[in-house]
Amino acid sequence: MVLCPVIGKLQHKRVVLASASPRRQEILSNAGLRFEVVPSRFKEKLHKASFATPYAYAVETAKQKALEVAGRMHQKDLRAPDVVIGADTIVAVGAMILEKPVDKQDAYRMLSRLNGKEHSVFTGVAIVHCCSKDGRLDMEVSEFYEETTVKFSELSEELLWEYINSGEPMDKAGGYGIQALGGMLVEYVHGDFLNVVGFPLNHFCKDLARLYYPPRPEDLRRVRHDSMPAVDTFENLSDSEAGGSDPGQSAKGGRGGEQADGDGAQAPRALDAALNGADSRPPFPTGLLELMDGFKASKSRELTLQFMRAKHSLSKLTAHHVATAFDLSRFASACDLGGCTGILARELAQEYPRLQVTVFDLPEVTELSGGFQRGGRQTERIRFVPGDFFKDSLPEADLYVLSRILQDWPDDKLHKLLSRISSSCKPGGGLLVAEAAAEEEGASQSPRLRTLSAGQPRSPDEHRRLLQRHGFQDVRVARAGDLLCVVLGTRAAP
C-alpha cells in the first residue's frame, strides 16, 4: 500500500495540526506530512452523557478542536490555513469514558478499572478544509473514528503503583501510554496500534484517498468496497475540485456537524431515505451520483452492507441490555436468528463464559459479517451459519434469540417463524425475544425506533400470550434500557 502519494496531496497546502500531542506529531511527521502545530484552546467540557456512544464524544471533541483553531487563525490574519486536523483519543470501558487522569489517585482508579479486562480505545478525527472569501470563512468537515481493542493483564497493586509513580500516566488517555512503559501492562491489541498511541494513520490516509482520488467509471468494478483505493487507478483532482468534493462520505464519518452512528459507520442516508419513502440517493456531488447510477452490479451488495451498518450501530446501543435482562447462565448454547454482524452474540459470549453462540442469517449477510468482527477470546465461541430461517433447518441450540425481528413480519410469517422455533427447541430450552418497547402512556416513541421497526410494539401481556400460543411457558418480561422490551419463555414438554 503506497501512502506517500496520498499524503502528497497535502504537500502544497498549509496544513495545521490542532494538537500539542508529541505522539500525533511524530506519527504524522514520520508519514511525510508537513504541517505546523497550533494547539487548540477548545475547553474539553462537553457533557459526556449527552452522547449516545463514546466515539461520538471523541469525534465531536476533535471537530470542535479543529474548528476553534481554524476560526482563531482566520480572525488573526483574515486567512485561514487550507486544512486543519483535529483529534481526540479516549479510553472506554463499556459506556464509561476515561480521559487523562487529574492526579495519581485518579490514575489508580482508571488503571484498576482496566486491570485484567478488555477495553476500547477510540480516536475521533476531524479534517477541516478551509476557504476564505471576502473576509468570510467557509469550512467543510470530514470526520471519522477508529476503534482498537486492548486487553490488560492481571496486574499487582505494587506494579500499578510503580507505573503510576513513574509519572507516565498523567498525560495519557486512560492513564497509560502503550508506546512506552505502559506497554508492559498490555496482554494483547486487536486493531490499529497507532490508534492507541494517538492517531489512526491508516484510516486517515483512506479518508484522504476518498477526498482526493475519486474513481473513474471503468475502475469502479475493480474497487473493493471499504478498501483503500490503489493510487494508480484514479484521476487526480485539481485543488479547486478537491475543495468542492464532499469530504463527509467516508465509511465512518459524517459531513459538517453530523455525528457518526453505531460501529463506526454513519447511519446510511440511502437506507434512512428509503425507509421513509424519500429519494434514496445520498447527497454526493453530481459527478459521483452519475457514477453510482452506472454502478448496477454492486447495488444489492451495497444496500445490504448499508443495512448491516445501520443495524450494527443500533445493536451496539442495546446488546448489553438484552444480554443481561435475564440470567441466561443455565443455557450452554444459543442461536441468534437474524443476528447480522454478531454484536449481540459477542455480548452474550462475554457475559456467559460457557455459552456457545451461533449467528444464523442470510448468506449475503454472513458473507459480509467478517468486516465487522474484532478479536477477543469470546470470538472462539461464536460461529456464523448462512441460511434462511423460514426455509432452512435451524441450528440446534438450548436458547433461540430473536432481537428486533418479529416486528418486521406480518402475522402469518411471524407465527410460521415461532412455530419453526418451537419445533426445534427442546423441552426446557428457551426463546429470548427483544422488540421495541410499547409506548408508555403520555410518552412519545423515538422517531428512529419507529423508522427501523415495521410493526406496532406489543404490550407485555401480548408478548406473553404470543409465546404461550407456541408452547412456551413461564414467560417473563423485562425492560432493556429505554428502547426495548425483552421476553424470555421456556419450552414446555409436549
Protein backbone atom coordinates (compact mmCIF):
# COMPACT_ATOMS: atom_id res chain seq x y z
CA MET A 1 0.00 0.00 0.00
CA VAL A 2 1.64 3.24 -1.15
CA LEU A 3 0.70 6.04 1.26
CA CYS A 4 3.14 8.73 0.14
CA PRO A 5 1.11 9.82 -2.94
CA VAL A 6 -1.96 10.22 -0.69
CA ILE A 7 -0.08 12.33 1.88
CA GLY A 8 1.46 14.18 -1.05
CA LYS A 9 -1.92 15.69 -1.95
CA LEU A 10 -1.39 17.98 1.06
CA GLN A 11 2.19 18.88 0.10
CA HIS A 12 1.38 22.32 -1.33
CA LYS A 13 -1.31 23.16 1.21
CA ARG A 14 -0.96 24.94 4.51
CA VAL A 15 -1.77 22.18 7.00
CA VAL A 16 -2.24 22.78 10.72
CA LEU A 17 -2.42 20.15 13.45
CA ALA A 18 -4.70 21.38 16.24
CA SER A 19 -2.93 19.32 18.88
CA ALA A 20 0.10 19.66 21.13
CA SER A 21 0.47 15.88 21.41
CA PRO A 22 4.06 14.91 20.57
CA ARG A 23 2.86 11.42 19.69
CA ARG A 24 0.48 12.69 16.98
CA GLN A 25 3.16 14.99 15.66
CA GLU A 26 5.64 12.12 15.42
CA ILE A 27 3.16 9.79 13.64
CA LEU A 28 2.26 12.40 11.01
CA SER A 29 5.86 13.57 10.56
CA ASN A 30 7.04 10.00 10.01
CA ALA A 31 4.35 9.64 7.33
CA GLY A 32 5.88 12.54 5.42
CA LEU A 33 3.25 15.16 6.20
CA ARG A 34 4.47 18.76 6.52
CA PHE A 35 2.42 20.79 8.99
CA GLU A 36 2.55 23.43 11.68
CA VAL A 37 1.27 22.94 15.20
CA VAL A 38 -1.33 25.27 16.69
CA PRO A 39 -2.74 23.70 19.88
CA SER A 40 -6.47 24.14 20.27
CA ARG A 41 -7.89 26.28 23.07
CA PHE A 42 -11.21 24.46 22.99
CA LYS A 43 -12.30 23.67 26.54
CA GLU A 44 -12.95 19.92 26.61
CA LYS A 45 -16.05 20.13 28.76
CA LEU A 46 -18.67 18.51 26.54
CA HIS A 47 -21.32 16.69 28.54
CA LYS A 48 -20.46 13.02 28.02
CA ALA A 49 -23.93 11.79 28.96
CA SER A 50 -25.45 13.68 26.02
CA PHE A 51 -23.65 11.41 23.52
CA ALA A 52 -25.10 8.04 22.55
CA THR A 53 -21.66 6.42 22.24
CA PRO A 54 -18.11 7.15 23.47
CA TYR A 55 -16.82 7.53 19.92
CA ALA A 56 -19.44 10.19 19.15
CA TYR A 57 -18.00 12.20 22.04
CA ALA A 58 -14.44 11.77 20.70
CA VAL A 59 -15.45 12.80 17.17
CA GLU A 60 -17.28 15.92 18.37
CA THR A 61 -14.35 16.93 20.59
CA ALA A 62 -11.92 16.52 17.68
CA LYS A 63 -14.16 18.59 15.44
CA GLN A 64 -14.51 21.41 17.96
CA LYS A 65 -10.73 21.49 18.45
CA ALA A 66 -10.16 21.88 14.70
CA LEU A 67 -12.95 24.44 14.24
CA GLU A 68 -11.60 26.57 17.11
CA VAL A 69 -8.12 26.71 15.56
CA ALA A 70 -9.46 27.45 12.07
CA GLY A 71 -11.65 30.27 13.38
CA ARG A 72 -8.90 31.76 15.54
CA MET A 73 -6.32 31.73 12.75
CA HIS A 74 -8.80 33.32 10.34
CA GLN A 75 -9.62 36.09 12.80
CA LYS A 76 -5.93 36.75 13.39
CA ASP A 77 -4.86 37.39 9.78
CA LEU A 78 -8.11 37.02 7.77
CA ARG A 79 -6.63 33.97 6.11
CA ALA A 80 -7.27 30.51 7.43
CA PRO A 81 -4.99 27.54 6.71
CA ASP A 82 -6.06 25.20 3.92
CA VAL A 83 -6.50 22.18 6.19
CA VAL A 84 -6.84 21.82 9.96
CA ILE A 85 -6.60 18.38 11.58
CA GLY A 86 -8.20 17.80 14.98
CA ALA A 87 -8.01 14.58 17.01
CA ASP A 88 -9.16 13.30 20.38
CA THR A 89 -8.29 9.92 21.93
CA ILE A 90 -10.28 8.35 24.75
CA VAL A 91 -10.42 5.02 26.53
CA ALA A 92 -13.84 3.46 27.10
CA VAL A 93 -14.92 0.61 29.36
CA GLY A 94 -18.45 -0.11 28.22
CA ALA A 95 -20.15 3.29 28.15
CA MET A 96 -17.70 4.87 30.63
CA ILE A 97 -15.19 7.29 29.12
CA LEU A 98 -11.71 7.61 30.63
CA GLU A 99 -9.62 10.61 29.64
CA LYS A 100 -6.39 11.93 31.20
CA PRO A 101 -6.12 11.45 34.98
CA VAL A 102 -6.05 14.60 37.11
CA ASP A 103 -3.80 13.12 39.81
CA LYS A 104 -2.23 9.84 40.98
CA GLN A 105 -5.38 8.64 42.72
CA ASP A 106 -7.36 9.26 39.57
CA ALA A 107 -4.74 7.32 37.57
CA TYR A 108 -5.02 4.44 40.05
CA ARG A 109 -8.81 4.46 39.73
CA MET A 110 -8.56 4.26 35.94
CA LEU A 111 -5.88 1.58 35.81
CA SER A 112 -7.69 -0.53 38.42
CA ARG A 113 -10.80 -0.43 36.25
CA LEU A 114 -8.77 -1.62 33.23
CA ASN A 115 -6.84 -4.27 35.16
CA GLY A 116 -7.32 -7.72 33.64
CA LYS A 117 -10.03 -6.55 31.24
CA GLU A 118 -10.64 -5.65 27.62
CA HIS A 119 -11.35 -2.03 26.78
CA SER A 120 -11.72 0.10 23.67
CA VAL A 121 -9.52 2.97 22.55
CA PHE A 122 -11.31 5.45 20.30
CA THR A 123 -9.72 8.29 18.36
CA GLY A 124 -12.03 10.79 16.73
CA VAL A 125 -10.51 12.72 13.83
CA ALA A 126 -11.81 15.82 12.02
CA ILE A 127 -10.29 17.14 8.79
CA VAL A 128 -11.44 20.72 8.17
CA HIS A 129 -10.93 22.19 4.69
CA CYS A 130 -10.97 25.99 4.90
CA CYS A 131 -11.57 28.68 2.32
CA SER A 132 -11.54 32.44 2.93
CA LYS A 133 -13.72 34.54 0.60
CA ASP A 134 -14.33 38.27 1.05
CA GLY A 135 -13.32 38.08 4.68
CA ARG A 136 -15.71 35.16 5.31
CA LEU A 137 -14.53 31.72 6.40
CA ASP A 138 -16.10 28.67 4.73
CA MET A 139 -15.35 25.23 6.10
CA GLU A 140 -16.02 21.64 5.01
CA VAL A 141 -15.62 18.96 7.70
CA SER A 142 -14.80 15.30 7.17
CA GLU A 143 -14.87 13.26 10.36
CA PHE A 144 -14.32 9.62 11.33
CA TYR A 145 -13.23 7.50 14.26
CA GLU A 146 -11.15 4.38 14.79
CA GLU A 147 -11.60 1.74 17.50
CA THR A 148 -8.92 -0.60 18.83
CA THR A 149 -9.45 -3.27 21.48
CA VAL A 150 -6.80 -3.58 24.20
CA LYS A 151 -6.56 -6.22 26.94
CA PHE A 152 -4.65 -5.60 30.18
CA SER A 153 -3.00 -8.45 32.06
CA GLU A 154 -3.85 -9.11 35.70
CA LEU A 155 -1.53 -6.68 37.49
CA SER A 156 -0.50 -6.48 41.12
CA GLU A 157 -1.05 -3.39 43.26
CA GLU A 158 2.73 -3.00 43.51
CA LEU A 159 3.14 -2.95 39.73
CA LEU A 160 0.28 -0.48 39.23
CA TRP A 161 1.74 1.97 41.73
CA GLU A 162 5.25 1.52 40.33
CA TYR A 163 3.88 2.54 36.92
CA ILE A 164 1.87 5.46 38.36
CA ASN A 165 4.90 6.76 40.25
CA SER A 166 6.88 6.80 37.01
CA GLY A 167 4.75 9.82 36.04
CA GLU A 168 3.88 8.42 32.62
CA PRO A 169 0.08 8.06 33.16
CA MET A 170 -0.54 11.75 33.83
CA ASP A 171 -0.88 12.98 30.24
CA LYS A 172 -2.31 9.80 28.71
CA ALA A 173 -5.95 8.92 28.00
CA GLY A 174 -6.94 6.08 30.30
CA GLY A 175 -3.77 6.60 32.34
CA TYR A 176 -1.31 4.64 30.21
CA GLY A 177 0.95 5.01 27.18
CA ILE A 178 1.23 1.81 25.15
CA GLN A 179 4.30 3.01 23.22
CA ALA A 180 6.39 3.39 26.38
CA LEU A 181 6.36 1.79 29.86
CA GLY A 182 2.60 1.21 29.58
CA GLY A 183 3.28 -1.47 27.00
CA MET A 184 4.21 -3.86 29.83
CA LEU A 185 0.61 -3.71 31.10
CA VAL A 186 -0.91 -4.89 27.82
CA GLU A 187 -1.62 -8.56 27.07
CA TYR A 188 -2.88 -8.06 23.51
CA VAL A 189 -4.09 -5.47 21.00
CA HIS A 190 -6.67 -6.02 18.25
CA GLY A 191 -6.76 -3.27 15.65
CA ASP A 192 -4.64 -0.26 14.74
CA PHE A 193 -1.73 0.07 17.18
CA LEU A 194 -1.06 3.69 16.16
CA ASN A 195 -4.66 4.49 17.09
CA VAL A 196 -3.81 3.57 20.70
CA VAL A 197 -0.69 5.72 20.50
CA GLY A 198 -2.86 8.67 19.49
CA PHE A 199 -3.57 8.86 15.75
CA PRO A 200 -5.06 6.30 13.29
CA LEU A 201 -2.73 6.94 10.36
CA ASN A 202 -4.10 4.18 8.10
CA HIS A 203 -7.70 5.40 8.38
CA PHE A 204 -6.52 8.99 7.90
CA CYS A 205 -4.86 8.01 4.60
CA LYS A 206 -8.00 6.19 3.48
CA ASP A 207 -10.01 9.32 4.18
CA LEU A 208 -7.57 11.43 2.15
CA ALA A 209 -7.85 8.93 -0.70
CA ARG A 210 -11.63 9.32 -0.72
CA LEU A 211 -11.28 13.09 -0.76
CA TYR A 212 -8.66 13.46 -3.47
CA TYR A 213 -8.91 10.37 -5.67
CA PRO A 214 -12.48 9.83 -6.96
CA PRO A 215 -12.74 6.67 -9.12
CA ARG A 216 -13.23 6.61 -12.87
CA PRO A 217 -16.29 4.70 -14.16
CA GLU A 218 -14.15 1.95 -15.70
CA ASP A 219 -12.37 1.39 -12.37
CA LEU A 220 -15.41 1.14 -10.15
CA ARG A 221 -15.98 -2.58 -10.71
CA ARG A 222 -12.40 -3.29 -9.63
CA VAL A 223 -12.51 -1.33 -6.39
CA ARG A 224 -13.46 -3.42 -3.39
CA HIS A 225 -15.77 -1.61 -1.01
CA ASP A 226 -14.13 -0.07 2.05
CA SER A 227 -10.62 -0.94 0.91
CA MET A 228 -8.05 1.75 0.31
CA PRO A 229 -8.12 2.66 -3.41
CA ALA A 230 -4.96 1.91 -5.35
CA VAL A 231 -3.27 5.21 -6.14
CA ASP A 232 -2.56 4.38 -9.79
CA THR A 233 -6.22 3.73 -10.64
CA PHE A 234 -7.51 7.25 -10.08
CA GLU A 235 -7.59 10.59 -11.81
CA ASN A 236 -6.16 13.48 -9.83
CA LEU A 237 -8.43 16.36 -8.94
CA SER A 238 -7.26 19.92 -9.14
CA ASP A 239 -7.13 21.76 -5.84
CA SER A 240 -10.34 23.59 -6.63
CA GLU A 241 -12.16 20.37 -7.44
CA ALA A 242 -10.83 18.68 -4.34
CA GLY A 243 -12.08 21.50 -2.18
CA GLY A 244 -15.55 21.17 -3.69
CA SER A 245 -15.92 17.45 -3.14
CA ASP A 246 -17.89 16.12 -0.22
CA PRO A 247 -15.36 15.15 2.44
CA GLY A 248 -18.01 13.57 4.62
CA GLN A 249 -18.75 10.41 2.69
CA SER A 250 -16.33 8.12 4.46
CA ALA A 251 -17.36 4.78 5.89
CA LYS A 252 -17.24 6.09 9.46
CA GLY A 253 -17.75 9.79 9.17
CA GLY A 254 -20.28 12.49 8.51
CA ARG A 255 -20.35 15.84 6.76
CA GLY A 256 -20.20 19.08 8.66
CA GLY A 257 -21.68 18.68 12.11
CA GLU A 258 -23.27 15.29 11.55
CA GLN A 259 -22.45 12.58 14.05
CA ALA A 260 -21.27 9.10 13.22
CA ASP A 261 -23.76 6.38 14.12
CA GLY A 262 -23.10 2.97 15.60
CA ASP A 263 -19.59 0.95 14.96
CA GLY A 264 -18.02 3.17 13.06
CA ALA A 265 -20.44 3.69 10.33
CA GLN A 266 -22.60 6.70 9.77
CA ALA A 267 -26.26 5.61 9.55
CA PRO A 268 -26.64 5.31 5.76
CA ARG A 269 -28.59 8.17 4.23
CA ALA A 270 -29.77 5.90 1.42
CA LEU A 271 -31.26 3.44 3.90
CA ASP A 272 -32.93 6.11 6.04
CA ALA A 273 -34.40 7.80 2.98
CA ALA A 274 -35.66 4.55 1.50
CA LEU A 275 -37.37 3.55 4.75
CA ASN A 276 -39.08 6.94 4.86
CA GLY A 277 -40.20 6.77 1.24
CA ALA A 278 -37.91 9.61 0.19
CA ASP A 279 -35.31 9.96 -2.54
CA SER A 280 -32.79 7.25 -1.62
CA ARG A 281 -29.78 8.85 -3.30
CA PRO A 282 -27.23 10.26 -0.86
CA PRO A 283 -26.22 13.90 -1.32
CA PHE A 284 -22.98 13.21 -3.17
CA PRO A 285 -21.70 15.68 -5.76
CA THR A 286 -23.41 15.34 -9.16
CA GLY A 287 -20.46 13.57 -10.76
CA LEU A 288 -20.39 10.86 -8.12
CA LEU A 289 -24.16 10.41 -8.38
CA GLU A 290 -23.80 9.70 -12.07
CA LEU A 291 -21.08 7.15 -11.35
CA MET A 292 -23.25 5.46 -8.74
CA ASP A 293 -26.19 5.29 -11.16
CA GLY A 294 -23.98 3.32 -13.53
CA PHE A 295 -22.71 1.00 -10.83
CA LYS A 296 -25.58 -1.50 -11.12
CA ALA A 297 -23.65 -4.68 -10.46
CA SER A 298 -22.93 -3.93 -6.81
CA LYS A 299 -26.15 -2.16 -5.88
CA SER A 300 -27.69 -5.10 -4.00
CA ARG A 301 -24.45 -5.79 -2.10
CA GLU A 302 -24.08 -2.12 -1.24
CA LEU A 303 -27.61 -1.81 0.16
CA THR A 304 -27.06 -4.98 2.19
CA LEU A 305 -23.87 -3.50 3.62
CA GLN A 306 -25.60 -0.21 4.39
CA PHE A 307 -28.37 -2.03 6.23
CA MET A 308 -25.81 -4.07 8.18
CA ARG A 309 -24.00 -0.89 9.24
CA ALA A 310 -27.23 0.65 10.50
CA LYS A 311 -28.24 -2.48 12.41
CA HIS A 312 -24.69 -2.89 13.77
CA SER A 313 -24.79 0.67 15.13
CA LEU A 314 -28.19 0.23 16.73
CA SER A 315 -27.25 -3.14 18.23
CA LYS A 316 -24.24 -1.58 19.94
CA LEU A 317 -26.62 0.59 21.95
CA THR A 318 -28.89 -2.26 23.07
CA ALA A 319 -26.93 -5.56 23.05
CA HIS A 320 -25.67 -5.36 26.64
CA HIS A 321 -29.17 -4.62 27.95
CA VAL A 322 -30.63 -7.57 26.02
CA ALA A 323 -27.90 -9.99 27.15
CA THR A 324 -28.30 -9.06 30.81
CA ALA A 325 -32.08 -8.62 31.07
CA PHE A 326 -32.28 -12.18 32.48
CA ASP A 327 -29.82 -14.68 33.92
CA LEU A 328 -29.08 -16.96 30.96
CA SER A 329 -26.28 -18.94 32.60
CA ARG A 330 -28.32 -22.18 32.53
CA PHE A 331 -28.02 -22.35 28.74
CA ALA A 332 -24.96 -23.94 27.12
CA SER A 333 -25.71 -22.91 23.54
CA ALA A 334 -27.63 -20.10 21.85
CA CYS A 335 -28.66 -19.30 18.28
CA ASP A 336 -29.23 -15.66 17.32
CA LEU A 337 -31.65 -15.80 14.39
CA GLY A 338 -31.09 -12.84 12.07
CA GLY A 339 -28.07 -11.90 14.21
CA CYS A 340 -26.50 -9.85 11.41
CA THR A 341 -22.96 -8.74 12.41
CA GLY A 342 -22.89 -10.67 15.69
CA ILE A 343 -22.90 -7.76 18.14
CA LEU A 344 -25.46 -9.45 20.41
CA ALA A 345 -23.68 -12.81 20.04
CA ARG A 346 -20.44 -11.22 21.23
CA GLU A 347 -22.18 -9.66 24.22
CA LEU A 348 -23.78 -13.00 25.14
CA ALA A 349 -20.44 -14.81 24.88
CA GLN A 350 -18.78 -12.15 27.02
CA GLU A 351 -21.44 -12.28 29.75
CA TYR A 352 -21.70 -16.11 29.85
CA PRO A 353 -18.23 -17.73 29.57
CA ARG A 354 -19.53 -21.25 28.83
CA LEU A 355 -22.07 -20.22 26.20
CA GLN A 356 -21.50 -21.24 22.56
CA VAL A 357 -23.33 -18.85 20.19
CA THR A 358 -24.41 -19.35 16.56
CA VAL A 359 -25.37 -16.40 14.37
CA PHE A 360 -27.85 -17.59 11.72
CA ASP A 361 -28.54 -15.16 8.90
CA LEU A 362 -28.87 -14.94 5.12
CA PRO A 363 -25.81 -15.95 3.07
CA GLU A 364 -25.32 -12.43 1.73
CA VAL A 365 -25.22 -11.14 5.31
CA THR A 366 -22.86 -13.76 6.76
CA GLU A 367 -20.55 -13.25 3.77
CA LEU A 368 -20.07 -9.59 4.73
CA SER A 369 -20.11 -10.06 8.51
CA GLY A 370 -16.35 -10.65 8.73
CA GLY A 371 -15.69 -6.97 8.07
CA PHE A 372 -17.44 -6.10 11.35
CA GLN A 373 -15.60 -8.60 13.56
CA ARG A 374 -12.87 -7.85 16.03
CA GLY A 375 -10.72 -10.19 18.06
CA GLY A 376 -11.10 -11.40 21.62
CA ARG A 377 -11.35 -14.75 23.35
CA GLN A 378 -15.14 -14.81 23.12
CA THR A 379 -14.84 -14.88 19.32
CA GLU A 380 -13.76 -18.54 19.59
CA ARG A 381 -17.25 -19.37 20.89
CA ILE A 382 -19.12 -17.62 18.08
CA ARG A 383 -19.81 -19.09 14.63
CA PHE A 384 -21.71 -17.72 11.64
CA VAL A 385 -24.02 -20.06 9.72
CA PRO A 386 -25.73 -18.96 6.48
CA GLY A 387 -29.39 -19.81 5.96
CA ASP A 388 -32.99 -18.64 5.74
CA PHE A 389 -34.92 -19.16 8.98
CA PHE A 390 -38.17 -19.55 7.01
CA LYS A 391 -36.81 -22.34 4.77
CA ASP A 392 -33.69 -23.98 6.20
CA SER A 393 -33.26 -26.18 9.25
CA LEU A 394 -32.45 -24.12 12.31
CA PRO A 395 -29.15 -24.85 14.08
CA GLU A 396 -29.54 -26.80 17.31
CA ALA A 397 -29.44 -24.66 20.46
CA ASP A 398 -30.66 -24.53 24.04
CA LEU A 399 -31.71 -20.91 23.60
CA TYR A 400 -33.06 -19.21 20.47
CA VAL A 401 -32.81 -15.43 20.22
CA LEU A 402 -34.88 -13.01 18.12
CA SER A 403 -33.71 -9.42 18.52
CA ARG A 404 -35.73 -6.82 16.59
CA ILE A 405 -37.01 -9.49 14.18
CA LEU A 406 -40.67 -10.21 14.88
CA GLN A 407 -41.97 -6.72 14.21
CA ASP A 408 -40.61 -6.86 10.68
CA TRP A 409 -43.07 -9.56 9.60
CA PRO A 410 -46.87 -9.82 9.10
CA ASP A 411 -48.78 -12.19 11.37
CA ASP A 412 -48.67 -15.22 9.07
CA LYS A 413 -44.89 -15.05 8.75
CA LEU A 414 -44.49 -14.29 12.46
CA HIS A 415 -46.45 -17.39 13.51
CA LYS A 416 -44.64 -19.53 10.95
CA LEU A 417 -41.27 -18.48 12.39
CA LEU A 418 -42.33 -19.03 16.01
CA SER A 419 -43.75 -22.43 15.08
CA ARG A 420 -40.44 -23.46 13.48
CA ILE A 421 -38.53 -22.31 16.57
CA SER A 422 -40.91 -24.17 18.86
CA SER A 423 -40.42 -27.37 16.85
CA SER A 424 -36.62 -27.02 17.01
CA CYS A 425 -36.48 -26.09 20.69
CA LYS A 426 -36.10 -28.98 23.15
CA PRO A 427 -38.22 -29.10 26.32
CA GLY A 428 -36.58 -26.88 28.89
CA GLY A 429 -34.95 -24.80 26.17
CA GLY A 430 -35.67 -21.10 25.85
CA LEU A 431 -36.71 -18.34 23.48
CA LEU A 432 -35.42 -14.82 24.11
CA VAL A 433 -37.27 -12.08 22.22
CA ALA A 434 -36.21 -8.42 22.18
CA GLU A 435 -38.53 -5.94 20.48
CA ALA A 436 -39.39 -2.27 20.58
CA ALA A 437 -40.99 -1.39 23.88
CA ALA A 438 -44.62 -0.31 23.74
CA GLU A 439 -45.13 3.37 24.40
CA GLU A 440 -45.95 4.26 27.95
CA GLU A 441 -48.95 6.43 28.46
CA GLY A 442 -48.09 10.06 27.79
CA ALA A 443 -44.73 9.16 26.20
CA SER A 444 -43.76 9.51 22.57
CA GLN A 445 -41.84 6.80 20.76
CA SER A 446 -38.44 7.64 19.35
CA PRO A 447 -38.68 8.58 15.64
CA ARG A 448 -35.60 6.48 14.86
CA LEU A 449 -37.14 3.49 16.63
CA ARG A 450 -40.30 3.95 14.58
CA THR A 451 -38.31 4.10 11.38
CA LEU A 452 -36.46 0.83 11.96
CA SER A 453 -39.45 -1.10 13.34
CA ALA A 454 -42.12 -2.05 10.85
CA GLY A 455 -44.87 -3.18 13.25
CA GLN A 456 -46.65 -1.79 16.27
CA PRO A 457 -44.89 -2.53 19.60
CA ARG A 458 -46.66 -5.14 21.75
CA SER A 459 -47.56 -4.84 25.40
CA PRO A 460 -46.07 -7.29 27.94
CA ASP A 461 -49.33 -9.28 28.03
CA GLU A 462 -49.37 -9.53 24.22
CA HIS A 463 -45.81 -10.85 24.25
CA ARG A 464 -46.74 -13.37 26.94
CA ARG A 465 -49.77 -14.67 25.02
CA LEU A 466 -47.81 -14.86 21.78
CA LEU A 467 -45.11 -17.12 23.23
CA GLN A 468 -47.59 -19.22 25.18
CA ARG A 469 -49.51 -19.86 21.97
CA HIS A 470 -46.39 -21.54 20.58
CA GLY A 471 -45.66 -23.79 23.56
CA PHE A 472 -43.51 -21.56 25.75
CA GLN A 473 -44.31 -21.31 29.46
CA ASP A 474 -43.02 -19.32 32.43
CA VAL A 475 -42.90 -16.28 30.16
CA ARG A 476 -41.15 -13.36 31.81
CA VAL A 477 -40.89 -9.77 30.57
CA ALA A 478 -38.23 -7.17 31.37
CA ARG A 479 -37.30 -3.72 30.14
CA ALA A 480 -33.94 -3.29 28.36
CA GLY A 481 -33.00 0.35 28.61
CA ASP A 482 -35.36 2.88 27.07
CA LEU A 483 -35.77 1.22 23.68
CA LEU A 484 -36.51 -2.47 24.06
CA CYS A 485 -38.73 -4.95 25.84
CA VAL A 486 -37.12 -8.38 26.44
CA VAL A 487 -39.18 -11.56 26.83
CA LEU A 488 -37.92 -15.00 27.94
CA GLY A 489 -40.02 -18.14 27.62
CA THR A 490 -39.25 -21.80 28.43
CA ARG A 491 -40.31 -24.56 26.04
CA ALA A 492 -42.85 -26.83 27.71
CA ALA A 493 -42.76 -30.62 27.41
CA PRO A 494 -45.03 -31.86 24.56
